[in-house]
Amino acid sequence: MSKIAVISAILEDPNSCQQKFNEIISSFKGIIKGRMGIPFDEHGISVISITVVGELDEINSLTGKLGNIDNVYIKTSISKKEI
């Protein structure tokens, strides 16, 4: 069964990690339903929120890969309700 989740990401020094972040996101485009990014150029930080619908294993795989990128910090909220 699928679940809905929101992945919150903070990219410190986006110039060094944005490309890898986007490559991983693109490889999971099948479960991504929405993405919002807010750059804080004056502070060298980007804040990104991604809404996904997928199997728990897929969501965990995505968050694990994102969390392994240097200067990327991830928190995920996953619904308890299965859809």
C-alpha atoms as a PDB file:
ATOM      1  CA  MET A   1       0.000   0.000   0.000  1.00  0.00           C
ATOM      2  CA  SER A   2       1.093   3.550  -0.694  1.00  0.00           C
ATOM      3  CA  LYS A   3       1.538   6.360   1.778  1.00  0.00           C
ATOM      4  CA  ILE A   4       1.744  10.108   1.457  1.00  0.00           C
ATOM      5  CA  ALA A   5       4.876  11.780   2.767  1.00  0.00           C
ATOM      6  CA  VAL A   6       6.461  15.209   2.897  1.00  0.00           C
ATOM      7  CA  ILE A   7      10.240  15.409   2.650  1.00  0.00           C
ATOM      8  CA  SER A   8      11.819  18.594   3.973  1.00  0.00           C
ATOM      9  CA  ALA A   9      15.339  19.377   2.844  1.00  0.00           C
ATOM     10  CA  ILE A  10      17.780  22.094   3.783  1.00  0.00           C
ATOM     11  CA  LEU A  11      20.698  22.510   1.410  1.00  0.00           C
ATOM     12  CA  GLU A  12      23.603  24.377   2.935  1.00  0.00           C
ATOM     13  CA  ASP A  13      25.874  25.666   0.170  1.00  0.00           C
ATOM     14  CA  PRO A  14      23.479  24.681  -2.640  1.00  0.00           C
ATOM     15  CA  ASN A  15      26.164  25.309  -5.269  1.00  0.00           C
ATOM     16  CA  SER A  16      28.010  22.223  -4.034  1.00  0.00           C
ATOM     17  CA  CYS A  17      25.043  19.842  -3.723  1.00  0.00           C
ATOM     18  CA  GLN A  18      22.115  21.042  -5.854  1.00  0.00           C
ATOM     19  CA  GLN A  19      23.095  19.068  -8.962  1.00  0.00           C
ATOM     20  CA  LYS A  20      23.355  15.729  -7.130  1.00  0.00           C
ATOM     21  CA  PHE A  21      20.115  16.504  -5.240  1.00  0.00           C
ATOM     22  CA  ASN A  22      18.257  17.162  -8.522  1.00  0.00           C
ATOM     23  CA  GLU A  23      19.661  14.005 -10.148  1.00  0.00           C
ATOM     24  CA  ILE A  24      18.296  11.866  -7.303  1.00  0.00           C
ATOM     25  CA  ILE A  25      14.932  13.651  -7.343  1.00  0.00           C
ATOM     26  CA  SER A  26      14.671  13.051 -11.104  1.00  0.00           C
ATOM     27  CA  SER A  27      15.283   9.331 -10.656  1.00  0.00           C
ATOM     28  CA  PHE A  28      12.218   9.165  -8.334  1.00  0.00           C
ATOM     29  CA  LYS A  29       9.900  11.286 -10.523  1.00  0.00           C
ATOM     30  CA  GLY A  30       7.295   8.511 -10.518  1.00  0.00           C
ATOM     31  CA  ILE A  31       6.419   9.077  -6.851  1.00  0.00           C
ATOM     32  CA  ILE A  32       6.903  12.848  -6.655  1.00  0.00           C
ATOM     33  CA  LYS A  33       3.637  14.818  -6.734  1.00  0.00           C
ATOM     34  CA  GLY A  34       4.919  18.298  -5.907  1.00  0.00           C
ATOM     35  CA  ARG A  35       8.015  20.291  -5.086  1.00  0.00           C
ATOM     36  CA  MET A  36       8.536  23.770  -3.678  1.00  0.00           C
ATOM     37  CA  GLY A  37      11.917  25.397  -3.287  1.00  0.00           C
ATOM     38  CA  ILE A  38      12.825  28.645  -1.586  1.00  0.00           C
ATOM     39  CA  PRO A  39      16.357  29.987  -2.101  1.00  0.00           C
ATOM     40  CA  PHE A  40      17.944  32.099   0.598  1.00  0.00           C
ATOM     41  CA  ASP A  41      20.832  33.299  -1.554  1.00  0.00           C
ATOM     42  CA  GLU A  42      21.973  35.879   0.968  1.00  0.00           C
ATOM     43  CA  HIS A  43      22.522  33.058   3.494  1.00  0.00           C
ATOM     44  CA  GLY A  44      23.763  30.371   1.092  1.00  0.00           C
ATOM     45  CA  ILE A  45      20.854  28.035   1.923  1.00  0.00           C
ATOM     46  CA  SER A  46      17.945  26.536  -0.021  1.00  0.00           C
ATOM     47  CA  VAL A  47      14.823  25.052   1.593  1.00  0.00           C
ATOM     48  CA  ILE A  48      12.936  22.437  -0.403  1.00  0.00           C
ATOM     49  CA  SER A  49       9.668  20.629   0.350  1.00  0.00           C
ATOM     50  CA  ILE A  50       8.717  17.545  -1.683  1.00  0.00           C
ATOM     51  CA  THR A  51       5.377  15.723  -1.525  1.00  0.00           C
ATOM     52  CA  VAL A  52       5.498  12.058  -2.514  1.00  0.00           C
ATOM     53  CA  VAL A  53       3.050   9.150  -2.804  1.00  0.00           C
ATOM     54  CA  GLY A  54       4.615   5.724  -2.824  1.00  0.00           C
ATOM     55  CA  GLU A  55       5.499   2.497  -1.078  1.00  0.00           C
ATOM     56  CA  LEU A  56       7.339   2.917   2.207  1.00  0.00           C
ATOM     57  CA  ASP A  57      10.459   1.282   0.731  1.00  0.00           C
ATOM     58  CA  GLU A  58      10.510   3.802  -2.132  1.00  0.00           C
ATOM     59  CA  ILE A  59      10.108   6.760   0.214  1.00  0.00           C
ATOM     60  CA  ASN A  60      12.859   5.465   2.506  1.00  0.00           C
ATOM     61  CA  SER A  61      15.160   4.859  -0.447  1.00  0.00           C
ATOM     62  CA  LEU A  62      14.675   8.420  -1.677  1.00  0.00           C
ATOM     63  CA  THR A  63      15.226  10.002   1.727  1.00  0.00           C
ATOM     64  CA  GLY A  64      18.259   7.810   2.387  1.00  0.00           C
ATOM     65  CA  LYS A  65      19.918   8.809  -0.881  1.00  0.00           C
ATOM     66  CA  LEU A  66      19.178  12.493  -0.314  1.00  0.00           C
ATOM     67  CA  GLY A  67      20.452  12.335   3.258  1.00  0.00           C
ATOM     68  CA  ASN A  68      23.772  10.895   2.088  1.00  0.00           C
ATOM     69  CA  ILE A  69      24.621  14.028   0.113  1.00  0.00           C
ATOM     70  CA  ASP A  70      27.079  16.345   1.861  1.00  0.00           C
ATOM     71  CA  ASN A  71      25.465  19.587   3.130  1.00  0.00           C
ATOM     72  CA  VAL A  72      21.914  18.203   2.734  1.00  0.00           C
ATOM     73  CA  TYR A  73      19.729  17.750   5.835  1.00  0.00           C
ATOM     74  CA  ILE A  74      16.494  15.767   5.547  1.00  0.00           C
ATOM     75  CA  LYS A  75      13.396  15.282   7.711  1.00  0.00           C
ATOM     76  CA  THR A  76      10.409  13.253   6.568  1.00  0.00           C
ATOM     77  CA  SER A  77       6.809  13.054   7.748  1.00  0.00           C
ATOM     78  CA  ILE A  78       4.911   9.963   6.592  1.00  0.00           C
ATOM     79  CA  SER A  79       1.161   9.487   6.909  1.00  0.00           C
ATOM     80  CA  LYS A  80      -0.024   6.569   9.014  1.00  0.00           C
ATOM     81  CA  LYS A  81      -2.973   6.087   6.675  1.00  0.00           C
ATOM     82  CA  GLU A  82      -2.408   3.820   3.700  1.00  0.00           C
ATOM     83  CA  ILE A  83      -3.971   4.827   0.405  1.00  0.00           C
END
